[in-house]
């Protein structure tokens, strides 16, 4: 979206029915669909596109549902230019099928017209606890519920959704879409217990005592990776995820406007060049910042952000300072006046070196967006769960996804480090197989090692 006459207009409008039919009919229905190999969860892409082209929107949703519990979300936030669309054979001519928009068209059409009537599933296979309601937790919960397991998701926030609700801004992922997908899981029989933190009091031991056959930990990564800089203790130095969460809690009516640190008229510098950095920068534009700039120690070619997010940020007026390594915060007392950087030099082998030359980027607020790491409140040796030196959970191959603690599985960012929604879903689907194998063995063989 970009601002015009005080209003935002969408970059990527949803398809009308006529547009969806026309786009779907462009698909070549390849015998060896490269688009599917580019999808981390191997969605049956040509099949559902062919169903759309034939006007069978309900069938399209059934096909998508074979692999995905969150189609309306994936169709909006997946880095499709790097995945399915990037592998589309028509991308060689820079005209790939817009797979993401077709997926979300099918999902939205199904919801808006009530096409899918879910059949009751007998829950007689076992009892599963899921800790965390981000993409990995929701995927495991949905798949296990479909297989006949009684599933309860425990979420510390007042509303489920994790990063989908509190991390990805509404201009990229409407919160009504997230709530709609969660309601679909409720229709499958998944139970949600919100405002429930699993930790010192209600812990893994007590969950096992409550009769859960297996536990899946999907708490993501919430601790910011530190970026030591001189004078970085000033209140004008913020963390990106804290800002994004505060904005959503304000929209939910849970926080006051004063809780949002970025104010109209602020000059903002965002440190980092991933998707979270783009989200933070574009959010600051919407908060009325006077200027928003990104500082990144490498060059444009090294950015991890989706190309579309980068281009849309530029269209919205975000500027980029490449080859700038932050080293200090300028200002007196609590006031921030700028970010001091050393100018870097890039080399052909991809390395960078400092030039010994410095500049100061003017700023009232500095937002750090260089990544997150795990919160070890419910993982670690004290809970019988081995982690590596960086706090990420170590899991087994057999049964896949089980931690060093019997019956406790983990997946998503807390195992594989922060990644995209669909990559978290892919890992979660593999864990489902491991959990089913464990529960079946437990049922027939008793105690399982």
Protein backbone atom coordinates (compact mmCIF):
# COMPACT_ATOMS: atom_id res chain seq x y z
CA UNK A 1 0.00 0.00 0.00
CA UNK A 2 1.15 3.53 -0.64
CA UNK A 3 -0.28 6.81 0.60
CA UNK A 4 -2.32 8.91 -1.79
CA UNK A 5 -4.37 11.90 -0.58
CA UNK A 6 -4.30 10.56 2.96
CA UNK A 7 -5.50 7.09 1.94
CA UNK A 8 -3.76 3.79 1.37
CA UNK A 9 -4.24 1.88 -1.86
CA UNK A 10 -3.40 -1.78 -2.17
CA UNK A 11 -0.39 -2.95 -4.14
CA UNK A 12 -1.68 -6.48 -4.45
CA UNK A 13 -5.48 -6.47 -4.68
CA UNK A 14 -7.39 -9.71 -4.38
CA UNK A 15 -8.60 -11.28 -7.60
CA UNK A 16 -12.16 -10.96 -8.75
CA UNK A 17 -13.70 -14.21 -9.97
CA UNK A 18 -13.11 -13.21 -13.59
CA UNK A 19 -9.47 -12.34 -12.90
CA UNK A 20 -8.89 -15.61 -11.03
CA UNK A 21 -10.36 -17.66 -13.87
CA UNK A 22 -8.24 -15.83 -16.44
CA UNK A 23 -5.05 -16.25 -14.41
CA UNK A 24 -5.71 -19.94 -13.70
CA UNK A 25 -6.22 -20.64 -17.40
CA UNK A 26 -2.68 -19.41 -18.09
CA UNK A 27 -1.28 -22.44 -16.23
CA UNK A 28 0.43 -24.91 -18.59
CA UNK A 29 -0.36 -27.86 -16.29
CA UNK A 30 3.20 -29.12 -16.68
CA UNK A 31 3.83 -32.87 -16.55
CA UNK A 32 6.68 -32.19 -14.12
CA UNK A 33 5.49 -29.10 -12.22
CA UNK A 34 8.50 -27.15 -11.05
CA UNK A 35 6.20 -24.92 -9.00
CA UNK A 36 5.41 -27.85 -6.74
CA UNK A 37 9.08 -28.67 -6.20
CA UNK A 38 9.56 -25.04 -5.16
CA UNK A 39 6.83 -25.29 -2.49
CA UNK A 40 8.21 -26.37 0.91
CA UNK A 41 5.02 -28.33 1.70
CA UNK A 42 4.67 -29.67 -1.87
CA UNK A 43 1.22 -28.25 -2.41
CA UNK A 44 -0.66 -29.79 -5.34
CA UNK A 45 -0.40 -26.53 -7.25
CA UNK A 46 -1.35 -27.50 -10.84
CA UNK A 47 -4.27 -29.55 -9.56
CA UNK A 48 -5.85 -26.74 -7.56
CA UNK A 49 -5.19 -24.21 -10.30
CA UNK A 50 -6.87 -26.51 -12.84
CA UNK A 51 -9.87 -26.76 -10.50
CA UNK A 52 -10.08 -22.97 -10.32
CA UNK A 53 -9.82 -22.71 -14.12
CA UNK A 54 -12.78 -25.10 -14.33
CA UNK A 55 -14.79 -23.04 -11.84
CA UNK A 56 -14.62 -25.78 -9.19
CA UNK A 57 -13.60 -23.57 -6.28
CA UNK A 58 -14.70 -26.05 -3.62
CA UNK A 59 -12.59 -28.76 -5.21
CA UNK A 60 -9.65 -26.33 -5.33
CA UNK A 61 -9.93 -25.87 -1.57
CA UNK A 62 -10.14 -29.59 -0.96
CA UNK A 63 -6.92 -30.06 -2.95
CA UNK A 64 -5.13 -27.27 -1.09
CA UNK A 65 -6.39 -28.72 2.19
CA UNK A 66 -4.52 -31.96 1.51
CA UNK A 67 -1.28 -30.18 2.40
CA UNK A 68 -2.15 -26.90 4.11
CA UNK A 69 -4.27 -25.87 7.09
CA UNK A 70 -3.56 -22.15 6.50
CA UNK A 71 -4.16 -21.43 2.78
CA UNK A 72 -5.48 -17.88 3.18
CA UNK A 73 -2.37 -17.03 5.20
CA UNK A 74 0.18 -18.77 2.97
CA UNK A 75 -1.38 -17.14 -0.09
CA UNK A 76 -0.59 -13.76 1.42
CA UNK A 77 2.75 -14.00 3.22
CA UNK A 78 4.73 -16.82 1.58
CA UNK A 79 7.86 -15.64 -0.26
CA UNK A 80 6.38 -17.07 -3.42
CA UNK A 81 8.77 -15.24 -5.74
CA UNK A 82 11.51 -17.39 -4.18
CA UNK A 83 9.43 -20.56 -3.98
CA UNK A 84 6.50 -21.71 -6.14
CA UNK A 85 6.33 -18.72 -8.49
CA UNK A 86 10.09 -18.48 -8.69
CA UNK A 87 10.17 -22.07 -9.98
CA UNK A 88 7.25 -21.65 -12.41
CA UNK A 89 8.42 -22.36 -15.94
CA UNK A 90 6.76 -19.14 -17.10
CA UNK A 91 9.05 -17.20 -14.76
CA UNK A 92 11.77 -17.60 -17.38
CA UNK A 93 9.83 -14.96 -19.31
CA UNK A 94 9.18 -13.03 -16.05
CA UNK A 95 5.47 -13.87 -16.29
CA UNK A 96 4.91 -16.60 -13.67
CA UNK A 97 1.44 -17.74 -12.67
CA UNK A 98 0.38 -15.73 -9.61
CA UNK A 99 0.02 -18.83 -7.47
CA UNK A 100 -0.25 -17.03 -4.15
CA UNK A 101 -3.16 -14.87 -5.24
CA UNK A 102 -4.96 -17.90 -6.69
CA UNK A 103 -4.48 -19.81 -3.43
CA UNK A 104 -5.89 -17.00 -1.32
CA UNK A 105 -8.72 -16.43 -3.83
CA UNK A 106 -9.80 -20.05 -3.40
CA UNK A 107 -9.50 -19.88 0.39
CA UNK A 108 -11.38 -16.59 0.63
CA UNK A 109 -14.12 -17.77 -1.75
CA UNK A 110 -14.62 -20.91 0.31
CA UNK A 111 -14.93 -18.92 3.55
CA UNK A 112 -17.12 -16.18 2.14
CA UNK A 113 -19.56 -18.64 0.62
CA UNK A 114 -19.43 -21.39 3.24
CA UNK A 115 -18.51 -24.07 0.72
CA UNK A 116 -16.85 -26.45 3.16
CA UNK A 117 -18.95 -28.33 5.67
CA UNK A 118 -16.54 -30.13 7.96
CA UNK A 119 -17.61 -33.57 9.06
CA UNK A 120 -17.32 -34.42 12.78
CA UNK A 121 -14.15 -36.36 13.56
CA UNK A 122 -14.17 -38.94 16.34
CA UNK A 123 -11.38 -38.02 18.75
CA UNK A 124 -10.29 -41.44 19.96
CA UNK A 125 -6.61 -41.66 19.02
CA UNK A 126 -5.05 -39.84 21.93
CA UNK A 127 -4.58 -36.50 23.64
CA UNK A 128 -2.09 -33.90 22.40
CA UNK A 129 -0.92 -30.61 23.96
CA UNK A 130 0.51 -27.86 21.74
CA UNK A 131 2.38 -24.97 23.34
CA UNK A 132 2.25 -21.91 21.09
CA UNK A 133 -0.19 -20.92 18.38
CA UNK A 134 2.05 -19.68 15.58
CA UNK A 135 2.20 -21.40 12.17
CA UNK A 136 4.01 -24.52 13.43
CA UNK A 137 1.64 -25.00 16.37
CA UNK A 138 -1.47 -24.43 14.26
CA UNK A 139 -0.23 -26.85 11.60
CA UNK A 140 0.44 -29.67 14.08
CA UNK A 141 -2.86 -29.03 15.83
CA UNK A 142 -4.84 -29.14 12.59
CA UNK A 143 -3.14 -32.25 11.25
CA UNK A 144 -3.41 -34.16 14.53
CA UNK A 145 -7.09 -33.20 14.88
CA UNK A 146 -7.80 -34.49 11.38
CA UNK A 147 -6.22 -37.80 12.41
CA UNK A 148 -8.59 -38.18 15.34
CA UNK A 149 -6.53 -36.77 18.21
CA UNK A 150 -7.93 -34.51 20.91
CA UNK A 151 -5.78 -31.36 20.67
CA UNK A 152 -5.45 -28.42 23.05
CA UNK A 153 -3.33 -25.37 22.19
CA UNK A 154 -1.92 -23.34 25.08
CA UNK A 155 -1.23 -19.67 24.26
CA UNK A 156 0.15 -17.06 26.65
CA UNK A 157 -1.50 -14.14 24.82
CA UNK A 158 -5.21 -13.38 25.13
CA UNK A 159 -5.79 -14.44 21.52
CA UNK A 160 -4.20 -17.22 19.43
CA UNK A 161 -2.15 -16.62 16.31
CA UNK A 162 1.41 -15.99 17.50
CA UNK A 163 3.51 -14.14 14.97
CA UNK A 164 0.64 -14.32 12.46
CA UNK A 165 -1.42 -12.06 14.70
CA UNK A 166 1.16 -10.08 16.66
CA UNK A 167 4.19 -9.98 14.37
CA UNK A 168 3.15 -9.65 10.73
CA UNK A 169 1.49 -6.24 10.17
CA UNK A 170 -2.14 -6.04 9.12
CA UNK A 171 -1.26 -4.44 5.77
CA UNK A 172 0.44 -7.70 4.82
CA UNK A 173 -1.87 -10.11 6.63
CA UNK A 174 -5.33 -8.98 7.68
CA UNK A 175 -6.12 -10.13 11.20
CA UNK A 176 -9.62 -11.18 10.15
CA UNK A 177 -7.91 -13.72 7.88
CA UNK A 178 -5.89 -15.12 10.80
CA UNK A 179 -8.98 -15.36 13.00
CA UNK A 180 -10.89 -17.05 10.20
CA UNK A 181 -8.22 -19.74 9.80
CA UNK A 182 -8.14 -20.28 13.56
CA UNK A 183 -11.92 -20.68 13.58
CA UNK A 184 -11.51 -23.37 10.93
CA UNK A 185 -9.27 -25.27 13.36
CA UNK A 186 -11.88 -24.88 16.08
CA UNK A 187 -14.37 -26.51 13.72
CA UNK A 188 -11.95 -29.44 13.51
CA UNK A 189 -12.25 -29.78 17.28
CA UNK A 190 -9.03 -28.01 18.34
CA UNK A 191 -9.39 -26.37 21.78
CA UNK A 192 -7.58 -23.14 22.65
CA UNK A 193 -6.57 -22.13 26.18
CA UNK A 194 -5.37 -18.53 26.01
CA UNK A 195 -3.83 -16.38 28.74
CA UNK A 196 -2.03 -19.59 29.71
CA UNK A 197 1.75 -19.54 30.03
CA UNK A 198 3.40 -22.94 30.38
CA UNK A 199 6.32 -22.44 32.70
CA UNK A 200 7.12 -22.50 36.40
CA UNK A 201 3.64 -23.44 37.66
CA UNK A 202 1.73 -25.26 34.94
CA UNK A 203 4.67 -27.01 33.33
CA UNK A 204 5.54 -30.03 31.19
CA UNK A 205 5.27 -32.36 34.19
CA UNK A 206 1.78 -31.17 35.03
CA UNK A 207 0.65 -31.49 31.40
CA UNK A 208 1.83 -35.08 31.34
CA UNK A 209 0.01 -35.67 34.62
CA UNK A 210 -3.16 -34.33 32.99
CA UNK A 211 -3.06 -37.25 30.58
CA UNK A 212 -1.54 -35.82 27.44
CA UNK A 213 0.10 -38.54 25.36
CA UNK A 214 2.52 -36.13 23.68
CA UNK A 215 3.43 -32.45 23.83
CA UNK A 216 4.52 -30.24 20.93
CA UNK A 217 6.53 -27.12 21.77
CA UNK A 218 6.20 -24.36 19.16
CA UNK A 219 6.95 -21.21 21.13
CA UNK A 220 9.02 -19.58 18.39
CA UNK A 221 11.82 -17.14 19.10
CA UNK A 222 11.05 -14.05 21.15
CA UNK A 223 14.34 -12.86 22.64
CA UNK A 224 15.99 -10.17 20.47
CA UNK A 225 19.51 -10.87 19.27
CA UNK A 226 21.63 -8.13 20.87
CA UNK A 227 23.43 -5.53 18.79
CA UNK A 228 25.96 -3.89 21.08
CA UNK A 229 26.39 -0.23 20.21
CA UNK A 230 27.77 2.70 22.13
CA UNK A 231 24.98 4.52 24.05
CA UNK A 232 22.41 1.89 23.03
CA UNK A 233 20.65 2.10 26.41
CA UNK A 234 18.68 5.18 25.35
CA UNK A 235 14.87 4.76 25.38
CA UNK A 236 14.72 5.77 21.73
CA UNK A 237 16.44 2.51 20.77
CA UNK A 238 13.73 -0.12 20.17
CA UNK A 239 13.31 -3.72 19.12
CA UNK A 240 11.28 -4.33 15.95
CA UNK A 241 9.09 -7.16 17.27
CA UNK A 242 8.25 -5.17 20.41
CA UNK A 243 7.03 -2.31 18.22
CA UNK A 244 5.01 -4.58 15.92
CA UNK A 245 3.40 -6.36 18.89
CA UNK A 246 2.56 -3.06 20.60
CA UNK A 247 0.87 -1.78 17.44
CA UNK A 248 -1.35 -4.87 17.23
CA UNK A 249 -2.19 -4.80 20.96
CA UNK A 250 -3.14 -1.13 20.56
CA UNK A 251 -5.43 -2.05 17.64
CA UNK A 252 -6.93 -4.79 19.82
CA UNK A 253 -7.69 -2.20 22.50
CA UNK A 254 -5.30 -3.78 24.98
CA UNK A 255 -2.73 -0.97 25.08
CA UNK A 256 -2.99 2.82 24.94
CA UNK A 257 -1.55 4.93 22.15
CA UNK A 258 1.23 6.03 24.48
CA UNK A 259 2.63 2.48 24.36
CA UNK A 260 3.65 2.95 20.72
CA UNK A 261 7.15 4.41 20.85
CA UNK A 262 7.23 5.80 17.30
CA UNK A 263 5.34 9.08 17.10
CA UNK A 264 4.16 11.20 14.14
CA UNK A 265 7.02 13.36 12.92
CA UNK A 266 9.80 11.04 14.13
CA UNK A 267 12.85 10.36 12.00
CA UNK A 268 13.30 6.59 12.12
CA UNK A 269 16.26 4.36 11.30
CA UNK A 270 15.68 0.59 11.05
CA UNK A 271 18.76 -1.64 11.39
CA UNK A 272 18.52 -4.85 9.36
CA UNK A 273 17.35 -5.98 5.94
CA UNK A 274 15.06 -8.95 6.47
CA UNK A 275 11.28 -9.17 6.27
CA UNK A 276 10.87 -8.01 9.88
CA UNK A 277 12.93 -4.92 9.08
CA UNK A 278 10.67 -4.19 6.10
CA UNK A 279 7.59 -4.73 8.27
CA UNK A 280 8.92 -2.36 10.91
CA UNK A 281 9.88 0.29 8.36
CA UNK A 282 6.52 0.18 6.60
CA UNK A 283 4.70 0.23 9.94
CA UNK A 284 6.57 3.40 10.88
CA UNK A 285 5.41 5.00 7.62
CA UNK A 286 1.84 4.24 8.69
CA UNK A 287 2.49 5.66 12.16
CA UNK A 288 3.23 9.02 10.57
CA UNK A 289 7.03 9.10 10.81
CA UNK A 290 8.60 12.09 9.09
CA UNK A 291 11.21 9.85 7.47
CA UNK A 292 12.06 6.15 7.56
CA UNK A 293 15.41 4.76 6.51
CA UNK A 294 17.01 1.31 6.64
CA UNK A 295 20.68 0.85 7.56
CA UNK A 296 22.31 -2.40 6.41
CA UNK A 297 25.94 -3.41 6.66
CA UNK A 298 25.92 -5.21 3.31
CA UNK A 299 24.59 -4.41 -0.16
CA UNK A 300 21.20 -4.67 -1.84
CA UNK A 301 22.05 -8.07 -3.35
CA UNK A 302 22.58 -9.53 0.14
CA UNK A 303 19.19 -8.56 1.58
CA UNK A 304 17.14 -11.45 2.95
CA UNK A 305 13.83 -9.58 2.60
CA UNK A 306 11.42 -10.67 -0.11
CA UNK A 307 12.05 -8.61 -3.25
CA UNK A 308 8.40 -7.54 -3.31
CA UNK A 309 8.62 -6.25 0.28
CA UNK A 310 11.74 -4.27 -0.58
CA UNK A 311 10.15 -2.73 -3.67
CA UNK A 312 6.94 -1.83 -1.86
CA UNK A 313 8.91 -0.26 0.99
CA UNK A 314 10.72 1.95 -1.52
CA UNK A 315 7.41 2.92 -3.12
CA UNK A 316 6.18 4.00 0.29
CA UNK A 317 9.15 6.33 0.71
CA UNK A 318 11.50 4.18 2.78
CA UNK A 319 15.12 4.95 1.91
CA UNK A 320 18.06 2.55 2.16
CA UNK A 321 21.61 3.11 3.39
CA UNK A 322 23.69 0.15 2.27
CA UNK A 323 27.18 -0.73 3.50
CA UNK A 324 26.57 1.00 6.84
CA UNK A 325 27.65 -0.90 9.96
CA UNK A 326 26.05 0.61 13.09
CA UNK A 327 28.52 1.34 15.87
CA UNK A 328 26.89 3.91 18.14
CA UNK A 329 23.87 6.01 19.07
CA UNK A 330 24.22 9.78 18.98
CA UNK A 331 22.40 12.08 21.42
CA UNK A 332 22.45 13.70 24.83
CA UNK A 333 20.76 12.23 27.91
CA UNK A 334 17.72 10.18 26.85
CA UNK A 335 17.50 11.93 23.50
CA UNK A 336 18.45 10.16 20.29
CA UNK A 337 19.67 12.34 17.44
CA UNK A 338 21.31 9.87 15.09
CA UNK A 339 22.94 6.54 14.33
CA UNK A 340 26.70 6.51 13.86
CA UNK A 341 27.89 4.02 11.21
CA UNK A 342 31.15 2.90 9.70
CA UNK A 343 30.99 2.80 5.92
CA UNK A 344 31.81 -0.69 4.62
CA UNK A 345 33.43 -1.82 1.40
CA UNK A 346 32.08 -4.87 -0.42
CA UNK A 347 34.35 -7.34 -2.22
CA UNK A 348 33.81 -9.80 -5.07
CA UNK A 349 34.01 -12.79 -2.73
CA UNK A 350 31.06 -11.44 -0.74
CA UNK A 351 33.08 -10.25 2.24
CA UNK A 352 33.00 -6.72 3.60
CA UNK A 353 35.57 -4.65 5.42
CA UNK A 354 35.41 -1.37 7.27
CA UNK A 355 36.78 1.69 5.52
CA UNK A 356 37.57 3.72 8.64
CA UNK A 357 35.15 6.38 7.38
CA UNK A 358 32.07 7.21 9.44
CA UNK A 359 28.80 9.02 8.97
CA UNK A 360 25.79 9.85 11.13
CA UNK A 361 22.26 9.09 9.97
CA UNK A 362 19.81 11.54 11.63
CA UNK A 363 17.19 9.78 13.77
CA UNK A 364 14.83 10.26 16.70
CA UNK A 365 14.12 6.54 16.98
CA UNK A 366 16.36 3.59 16.12
CA UNK A 367 14.73 0.18 15.60
CA UNK A 368 16.82 -3.00 15.73
CA UNK A 369 15.61 -5.79 13.44
CA UNK A 370 18.47 -8.26 13.16
CA UNK A 371 16.71 -11.37 14.45
CA UNK A 372 15.38 -13.26 17.47
CA UNK A 373 16.53 -16.24 19.53
CA UNK A 374 14.69 -18.73 21.78
CA UNK A 375 13.29 -18.01 25.21
CA UNK A 376 14.55 -20.87 27.37
CA UNK A 377 11.76 -20.67 29.98
CA UNK A 378 10.35 -24.13 29.12
CA UNK A 379 13.32 -25.68 27.35
CA UNK A 380 16.79 -26.48 28.58
CA UNK A 381 18.39 -29.01 30.94
CA UNK A 382 16.20 -27.99 33.89
CA UNK A 383 13.19 -29.22 31.89
CA UNK A 384 14.97 -32.28 30.51
CA UNK A 385 15.23 -30.81 27.02
CA UNK A 386 18.64 -30.53 25.38
CA UNK A 387 19.47 -27.33 23.50
CA UNK A 388 22.48 -26.24 21.49
CA UNK A 389 24.85 -23.42 22.44
CA UNK A 390 22.43 -20.84 21.06
CA UNK A 391 19.38 -22.18 22.88
CA UNK A 392 17.74 -23.98 19.95
CA UNK A 393 16.10 -27.29 20.81
CA UNK A 394 17.88 -30.45 19.66
CA UNK A 395 15.48 -33.05 18.23
CA UNK A 396 15.73 -36.65 17.09
CA UNK A 397 15.24 -38.23 13.69
CA UNK A 398 13.37 -41.25 15.14
CA UNK A 399 10.68 -40.49 16.06
CA UNK A 400 11.10 -37.31 14.09
CA UNK A 401 10.95 -34.14 16.13
CA UNK A 402 11.12 -35.68 19.61
CA UNK A 403 13.37 -33.88 22.06
CA UNK A 404 15.64 -35.51 24.62
CA UNK A 405 12.56 -35.73 26.85
CA UNK A 406 10.30 -38.67 26.09
CA UNK A 407 6.96 -37.67 24.59
CA UNK A 408 7.92 -34.01 24.14
CA UNK A 409 8.37 -32.82 20.57
CA UNK A 410 9.42 -29.46 19.17
CA UNK A 411 9.35 -27.70 15.83
CA UNK A 412 9.27 -24.38 14.02
CA UNK A 413 11.63 -21.51 14.77
CA UNK A 414 12.69 -22.87 18.16
CA UNK A 415 14.36 -25.79 16.35
CA UNK A 416 15.19 -24.55 12.87
CA UNK A 417 15.81 -20.85 13.62
CA UNK A 418 13.53 -18.06 12.38
CA UNK A 419 12.18 -18.75 8.91
CA UNK A 420 9.06 -18.23 6.83
CA UNK A 421 5.54 -19.36 7.71
CA UNK A 422 5.54 -22.14 5.14
CA UNK A 423 8.94 -23.47 6.21
CA UNK A 424 7.65 -23.70 9.78
CA UNK A 425 4.65 -25.59 8.41
CA UNK A 426 6.88 -28.01 6.48
CA UNK A 427 8.88 -28.88 9.58
CA UNK A 428 5.69 -29.23 11.60
CA UNK A 429 4.23 -31.72 9.13
CA UNK A 430 7.26 -33.96 9.56
CA UNK A 431 6.85 -33.76 13.33
CA UNK A 432 3.23 -34.90 12.97
CA UNK A 433 4.50 -38.17 11.49
CA UNK A 434 6.88 -38.58 14.42
CA UNK A 435 4.17 -37.85 16.99
CA UNK A 436 1.78 -40.33 15.40
CA UNK A 437 4.48 -43.00 15.37
CA UNK A 438 5.24 -42.31 19.03
CA UNK A 439 1.60 -42.36 20.11
CA UNK A 440 0.92 -45.58 18.19
CA UNK A 441 3.95 -47.28 19.73
CA UNK A 442 2.94 -46.04 23.18
CA UNK A 443 -0.57 -47.39 22.69
CA UNK A 444 0.51 -50.86 21.67
CA UNK A 445 3.87 -51.30 23.37
CA UNK A 446 3.47 -49.24 26.53
CA UNK A 447 6.40 -47.09 27.64
CA UNK A 448 8.46 -45.80 24.69
CA UNK A 449 12.07 -44.70 24.88
